[in-house]
N, C-alpha and C. Protein backbone atom coordinates (compact mmCIF):
# COMPACT_ATOMS: atom_id res chain seq x y z
N MET A 1 18.34 25.62 18.90
CA MET A 1 18.54 26.66 17.61
C MET A 1 17.61 27.64 17.24
N SER A 2 17.89 28.31 17.44
CA SER A 2 16.74 30.03 16.92
C SER A 2 17.38 30.86 16.19
N ASN A 3 16.58 31.12 14.85
CA ASN A 3 17.46 32.17 13.94
C ASN A 3 18.56 31.74 14.01
N GLY A 4 18.67 30.30 12.57
CA GLY A 4 19.61 29.77 12.15
C GLY A 4 21.36 29.61 12.80
N ASP A 5 20.76 29.45 14.30
CA ASP A 5 22.11 29.65 15.10
C ASP A 5 22.52 28.77 15.07
N CYS A 6 23.51 28.05 14.65
CA CYS A 6 24.39 26.46 14.30
C CYS A 6 25.13 26.42 14.71
N SER A 7 25.99 27.52 15.86
CA SER A 7 27.35 26.98 16.02
C SER A 7 27.49 26.00 16.26
N ALA A 8 27.31 25.60 17.17
CA ALA A 8 27.19 24.34 18.10
C ALA A 8 27.52 23.24 17.44
N SER A 9 27.15 23.04 16.22
CA SER A 9 27.42 22.36 15.41
C SER A 9 27.24 22.75 13.78
N ARG A 10 27.89 23.25 13.42
CA ARG A 10 27.58 23.96 12.28
C ARG A 10 27.88 23.24 11.10
N ASP A 11 28.75 22.55 10.67
CA ASP A 11 28.73 21.19 9.85
C ASP A 11 27.05 20.57 9.52
N ARG A 12 26.30 20.92 10.69
CA ARG A 12 25.07 20.03 10.33
C ARG A 12 24.13 21.06 10.40
N CYS A 13 24.79 22.18 10.59
CA CYS A 13 23.60 23.44 10.84
C CYS A 13 22.12 22.86 9.58
N PRO A 14 22.15 22.33 8.28
CA PRO A 14 21.79 22.69 7.11
C PRO A 14 20.81 21.34 6.76
N TYR A 15 21.28 19.79 7.74
CA TYR A 15 20.54 19.20 7.81
C TYR A 15 20.05 19.05 9.08
N LEU A 16 20.45 19.59 9.91
CA LEU A 16 18.57 19.84 11.11
C LEU A 16 17.68 20.81 10.50
N LYS A 17 18.08 21.81 10.26
CA LYS A 17 16.56 22.93 9.24
C LYS A 17 16.22 22.14 8.72
N LYS A 18 16.62 21.06 7.94
CA LYS A 18 15.93 20.11 6.61
C LYS A 18 14.94 19.10 7.93
N LEU A 19 15.33 18.87 8.84
CA LEU A 19 14.59 18.29 9.47
C LEU A 19 13.68 18.69 10.22
N VAL A 20 14.19 19.78 10.85
CA VAL A 20 12.66 20.72 11.74
C VAL A 20 11.93 21.18 10.34
N THR A 21 12.55 21.06 9.23
CA THR A 21 11.48 21.98 8.35
C THR A 21 10.10 20.65 8.29
N ILE A 22 11.07 19.48 7.61
CA ILE A 22 10.27 17.95 7.90
C ILE A 22 9.34 17.92 8.92
N ARG A 23 9.80 17.94 9.66
CA ARG A 23 8.73 17.89 11.26
C ARG A 23 7.49 18.98 10.82
N GLN A 24 8.00 19.70 10.46
CA GLN A 24 6.78 21.19 10.10
C GLN A 24 5.64 20.68 9.38
N GLU A 25 6.14 20.10 8.42
CA GLU A 25 5.67 20.16 6.86
C GLU A 25 4.88 19.39 6.94
N TYR A 26 5.11 18.15 8.07
CA TYR A 26 4.66 16.82 8.25
C TYR A 26 3.96 16.69 9.79
N LYS A 27 3.76 17.30 9.92
CA LYS A 27 2.87 17.38 11.71
C LYS A 27 2.02 16.79 12.24
N ASP A 28 1.01 16.72 11.18
CA ASP A 28 -0.08 16.03 10.99
C ASP A 28 0.22 14.46 11.22
N ALA A 29 0.98 14.18 11.00
CA ALA A 29 1.02 12.60 10.91
C ALA A 29 2.31 12.30 12.69
N LEU A 30 3.29 13.20 12.14
CA LEU A 30 4.47 12.78 13.11
C LEU A 30 4.18 14.12 14.31
N ILE A 31 3.58 15.06 14.55
CA ILE A 31 3.27 15.31 16.10
C ILE A 31 1.97 14.53 16.62
N TYR A 32 0.65 15.05 15.71
CA TYR A 32 -0.41 14.92 15.76
C TYR A 32 -1.17 13.85 15.44
N GLY A 33 -0.36 13.18 14.70
CA GLY A 33 -1.12 11.97 14.16
C GLY A 33 -1.10 11.10 15.50
N ALA A 34 -1.05 8.93 15.24
CA ALA A 34 -0.83 8.38 15.44
C ALA A 34 0.13 7.19 15.35
N GLN A 35 1.31 6.86 16.10
CA GLN A 35 1.98 5.79 15.75
C GLN A 35 1.38 4.93 15.59
N SER A 36 1.10 3.93 14.59
CA SER A 36 0.74 2.87 13.95
C SER A 36 1.23 0.96 14.64
N TYR A 37 2.21 1.48 14.16
CA TYR A 37 3.14 0.21 14.31
C TYR A 37 4.38 0.43 13.77
N GLN A 38 5.07 -0.63 14.11
CA GLN A 38 6.47 -0.47 13.37
C GLN A 38 6.74 -1.76 12.83
N PRO A 39 7.11 -0.68 11.76
CA PRO A 39 7.34 -2.11 10.55
C PRO A 39 8.45 -2.75 10.90
N SER A 40 8.31 -4.23 10.27
CA SER A 40 9.84 -5.10 10.87
C SER A 40 10.38 -5.02 9.83
N ALA A 41 12.11 -5.05 10.32
CA ALA A 41 12.84 -4.90 9.06
C ALA A 41 13.80 -6.14 9.15
N ASP A 42 14.66 -6.54 7.95
CA ASP A 42 15.30 -8.12 8.29
C ASP A 42 16.34 -7.54 9.55
N GLY A 43 17.05 -6.62 9.82
CA GLY A 43 18.08 -6.95 11.11
C GLY A 43 17.69 -5.72 12.06
N GLN A 44 18.68 -6.67 12.70
CA GLN A 44 17.90 -5.69 14.37
C GLN A 44 18.42 -4.71 14.70
N ASP A 45 19.27 -3.82 13.35
CA ASP A 45 19.88 -2.85 13.91
C ASP A 45 18.98 -1.81 13.08
N VAL A 46 17.76 -2.05 12.37
CA VAL A 46 17.25 -1.05 11.93
C VAL A 46 15.86 -0.87 12.61
N ALA A 47 15.52 0.39 12.82
CA ALA A 47 14.18 0.84 13.38
C ALA A 47 13.09 1.41 12.44
N ALA A 48 12.46 1.43 12.77
CA ALA A 48 11.17 2.29 11.70
C ALA A 48 9.74 2.12 13.01
N TYR A 49 8.87 3.33 12.30
CA TYR A 49 7.61 3.49 12.76
C TYR A 49 7.02 3.93 11.74
N PHE A 50 5.98 3.99 11.75
CA PHE A 50 4.84 4.05 11.28
C PHE A 50 3.59 5.40 11.60
N TYR A 51 3.78 6.50 11.15
CA TYR A 51 2.73 7.13 11.56
C TYR A 51 1.35 7.79 10.58
N LYS A 52 0.55 7.33 10.84
CA LYS A 52 -0.41 7.97 10.23
C LYS A 52 -1.14 9.31 10.52
N GLY A 53 -1.29 10.72 9.70
CA GLY A 53 -2.34 11.50 10.11
C GLY A 53 -3.35 12.28 8.93
N SER A 54 -3.78 12.81 9.09
CA SER A 54 -5.15 13.23 8.99
C SER A 54 -5.10 13.84 7.12
N THR A 55 -3.73 14.03 7.04
CA THR A 55 -3.00 13.86 5.18
C THR A 55 -2.02 13.09 4.65
N HIS A 56 -1.13 12.72 5.65
CA HIS A 56 -0.13 12.21 5.46
C HIS A 56 0.24 10.90 6.21
N ARG A 57 1.01 9.73 5.13
CA ARG A 57 1.93 8.73 5.50
C ARG A 57 2.85 8.93 5.73
N VAL A 58 3.81 7.84 7.16
CA VAL A 58 5.02 8.27 6.93
C VAL A 58 5.46 7.46 8.01
N ILE A 59 6.97 7.04 7.19
CA ILE A 59 7.66 6.31 7.63
C ILE A 59 9.13 6.75 8.33
N THR A 60 9.90 6.40 9.46
CA THR A 60 10.75 6.89 9.71
C THR A 60 11.59 5.92 10.13
N VAL A 61 13.16 5.62 9.33
CA VAL A 61 13.52 4.21 9.40
C VAL A 61 15.35 5.05 9.83
N VAL A 62 15.67 4.20 10.61
CA VAL A 62 17.03 4.84 10.89
C VAL A 62 18.34 3.53 10.88
N ASN A 63 19.22 3.42 10.73
CA ASN A 63 19.76 2.44 10.22
C ASN A 63 21.23 3.06 11.62
N THR A 64 21.27 2.30 12.93
CA THR A 64 21.93 2.55 13.68
C THR A 64 23.08 2.07 13.89
N LEU A 65 23.67 1.11 11.91
CA LEU A 65 24.94 0.45 12.55
C LEU A 65 25.87 1.95 11.99
N ALA A 66 27.63 1.64 12.68
CA ALA A 66 27.93 2.89 12.59
C ALA A 66 28.57 2.48 11.39
N GLU A 67 29.35 1.41 10.76
CA GLU A 67 29.99 1.24 9.26
C GLU A 67 29.31 0.66 8.96
N GLN A 68 28.23 0.14 8.33
CA GLN A 68 27.42 -0.86 7.59
C GLN A 68 26.33 -0.97 6.84
N ARG A 69 26.25 -0.84 5.87
CA ARG A 69 25.10 0.19 5.03
C ARG A 69 24.02 -0.68 5.01
N TYR A 70 23.00 -0.58 5.71
CA TYR A 70 21.59 -1.83 6.10
C TYR A 70 20.86 -1.36 4.06
N ASP A 71 20.98 -3.38 3.33
CA ASP A 71 20.46 -2.92 2.10
C ASP A 71 19.32 -4.42 2.41
N GLY A 72 18.35 -3.88 2.81
CA GLY A 72 16.68 -5.36 2.90
C GLY A 72 15.80 -4.80 2.81
N SER A 73 14.67 -5.00 3.57
CA SER A 73 13.25 -4.08 3.73
C SER A 73 12.61 -4.08 4.71
N LEU A 74 11.46 -3.17 4.68
CA LEU A 74 10.73 -3.45 5.44
C LEU A 74 8.97 -4.44 5.35
N THR A 75 8.69 -4.41 6.30
CA THR A 75 7.79 -5.44 5.85
C THR A 75 6.46 -4.24 6.50
N VAL A 76 5.91 -3.74 5.96
CA VAL A 76 4.78 -2.50 6.10
C VAL A 76 3.23 -3.55 5.45
N ARG A 77 2.24 -3.01 6.33
CA ARG A 77 0.75 -3.70 6.27
C ARG A 77 0.14 -3.85 5.01
N LYS A 78 -0.80 -4.84 4.99
CA LYS A 78 -1.80 -4.97 3.82
C LYS A 78 -2.46 -3.48 2.98
N SER A 79 -2.27 -2.16 4.10
CA SER A 79 -3.33 -1.27 3.96
C SER A 79 -1.98 -0.54 3.03
N GLU A 80 -0.87 -0.94 2.83
CA GLU A 80 0.92 -0.28 2.32
C GLU A 80 1.05 -0.84 1.29
N ALA A 81 0.69 -2.33 1.15
CA ALA A 81 0.82 -2.78 -0.07
C ALA A 81 1.18 -2.35 -1.21
N ASN A 82 2.36 -2.50 -2.05
CA ASN A 82 2.23 -1.78 -3.50
C ASN A 82 2.66 -0.35 -3.28
N SER A 83 3.05 0.56 -2.22
CA SER A 83 2.59 1.79 -2.03
C SER A 83 4.30 1.87 -2.72
N ALA A 84 4.22 3.76 -3.03
CA ALA A 84 5.40 4.31 -3.06
C ALA A 84 5.69 5.51 -2.31
N TRP A 85 6.61 5.24 -1.53
CA TRP A 85 7.33 6.03 -1.01
C TRP A 85 8.38 7.47 -0.84
N ARG A 86 8.37 8.47 -0.93
CA ARG A 86 10.01 9.38 -1.19
C ARG A 86 10.20 9.37 -0.16
N ASP A 87 11.43 9.76 -0.11
CA ASP A 87 11.91 9.97 1.15
C ASP A 87 12.84 11.51 0.97
N VAL A 88 11.51 12.18 2.06
CA VAL A 88 11.95 13.40 1.77
C VAL A 88 13.07 14.29 2.37
N LEU A 89 13.98 13.35 2.37
CA LEU A 89 15.73 14.19 2.84
C LEU A 89 16.23 13.83 1.64
N THR A 90 15.96 12.89 0.42
CA THR A 90 16.90 12.83 -0.47
C THR A 90 16.32 12.83 -1.56
N ASP A 91 14.83 12.54 -1.48
CA ASP A 91 13.88 12.77 -2.63
C ASP A 91 13.93 11.56 -3.59
N HIS A 92 14.43 11.02 -3.22
CA HIS A 92 14.49 8.91 -3.92
C HIS A 92 12.79 8.47 -3.51
N VAL A 93 12.84 7.35 -4.63
CA VAL A 93 11.17 7.34 -4.58
C VAL A 93 11.97 5.87 -4.00
N PHE A 94 10.63 4.88 -3.39
CA PHE A 94 10.88 3.57 -2.94
C PHE A 94 10.20 2.68 -3.34
N ARG A 95 9.42 2.01 -3.90
CA ARG A 95 8.45 1.49 -4.60
C ARG A 95 8.61 -0.20 -3.94
N GLY A 96 7.13 -0.13 -3.38
CA GLY A 96 6.72 -2.07 -2.97
C GLY A 96 6.56 -2.67 -3.24
N SER A 97 6.87 -3.79 -3.06
CA SER A 97 6.49 -4.99 -3.95
C SER A 97 5.58 -5.65 -2.70
N GLY A 98 4.25 -5.94 -2.60
CA GLY A 98 3.79 -6.30 -2.12
C GLY A 98 3.69 -6.01 -0.70
N VAL A 99 3.95 -6.75 0.16
CA VAL A 99 4.12 -5.61 1.80
C VAL A 99 5.66 -5.70 1.93
N ARG A 100 5.98 -5.60 0.76
CA ARG A 100 7.70 -5.56 1.38
C ARG A 100 8.18 -4.58 0.90
N LEU A 101 9.23 -3.70 1.03
CA LEU A 101 9.23 -2.48 0.87
C LEU A 101 11.04 -1.76 0.84
N GLN A 102 12.02 -2.45 -0.17
CA GLN A 102 13.13 -2.78 -0.50
C GLN A 102 14.31 -1.12 -0.16
N LEU A 103 15.41 -1.03 0.78
CA LEU A 103 15.55 0.30 1.15
C LEU A 103 17.20 -0.07 1.02
N LYS A 104 17.62 0.99 0.77
CA LYS A 104 19.55 1.27 1.28
C LYS A 104 19.50 2.24 2.12
N ILE A 105 20.30 2.34 2.78
CA ILE A 105 20.43 2.80 4.44
C ILE A 105 21.70 3.11 4.51
N PRO A 106 22.81 4.50 4.86
CA PRO A 106 23.78 4.10 4.92
C PRO A 106 24.24 4.18 6.16
N PRO A 107 25.12 3.88 6.75
CA PRO A 107 25.46 3.90 7.95
C PRO A 107 25.34 4.89 8.69
N HIS A 108 24.18 4.95 9.99
CA HIS A 108 24.44 6.12 10.89
C HIS A 108 23.07 7.09 10.04
N GLU A 109 22.42 6.75 8.90
CA GLU A 109 21.65 7.46 8.38
C GLU A 109 20.31 7.39 8.86
N LEU A 110 19.12 8.28 8.37
CA LEU A 110 17.82 8.48 8.51
C LEU A 110 16.75 8.40 7.13
N ARG A 111 16.34 8.01 7.05
CA ARG A 111 15.16 7.44 6.26
C ARG A 111 13.87 8.10 6.69
N ILE A 112 13.07 9.45 6.20
CA ILE A 112 11.96 9.95 6.48
C ILE A 112 10.36 9.44 4.94
N LEU A 113 10.29 8.23 5.25
CA LEU A 113 9.77 8.25 3.41
C LEU A 113 7.86 8.93 4.36
N VAL A 114 7.37 9.14 3.22
CA VAL A 114 6.52 9.92 3.06
C VAL A 114 5.42 9.69 1.68
N ARG A 115 4.19 8.30 1.72
CA ARG A 115 3.35 7.87 1.01
C ARG A 115 3.36 8.95 -0.08
N GLU A 116 3.45 8.45 -1.27
CA GLU A 116 2.89 9.37 -2.36
C GLU A 116 1.75 9.10 -2.77
N SER A 117 1.52 8.35 -3.08
CA SER A 117 -0.50 8.20 -3.32
C SER A 117 -1.37 7.15 -2.45
N PHE A 118 -2.52 7.61 -2.49
CA PHE A 118 -3.22 6.55 -1.76
C PHE A 118 -4.13 6.07 -2.80
N ASN A 119 -3.89 4.74 -3.50
CA ASN A 119 -4.43 3.69 -3.98
C ASN A 119 -5.19 2.87 -3.67
């Protein structure tokens, strides 16, 4: 995609531009950071990855199911217990309870969660 050319996928253009912007904004974690671990999910159809950068902590989560919403949780490390995460795609904030982070993800959707603060 160059200079806003979205002719191949015009209906997805705004979404794709947003993903590129997020990748640039959180590059310290997503590009230059370390993929530290995979938070475990309640279902096998959800994949999650934790990235640690110099400034940001990011968890990417995808629901691979085509027709079923994921309504479950991720288990994060103790260092991330009771933390708040903002989905930068929707601005929804998810708050952990201990090491469990409850999530709702529509079918075939992605969440890009950025840790709100370091307590």
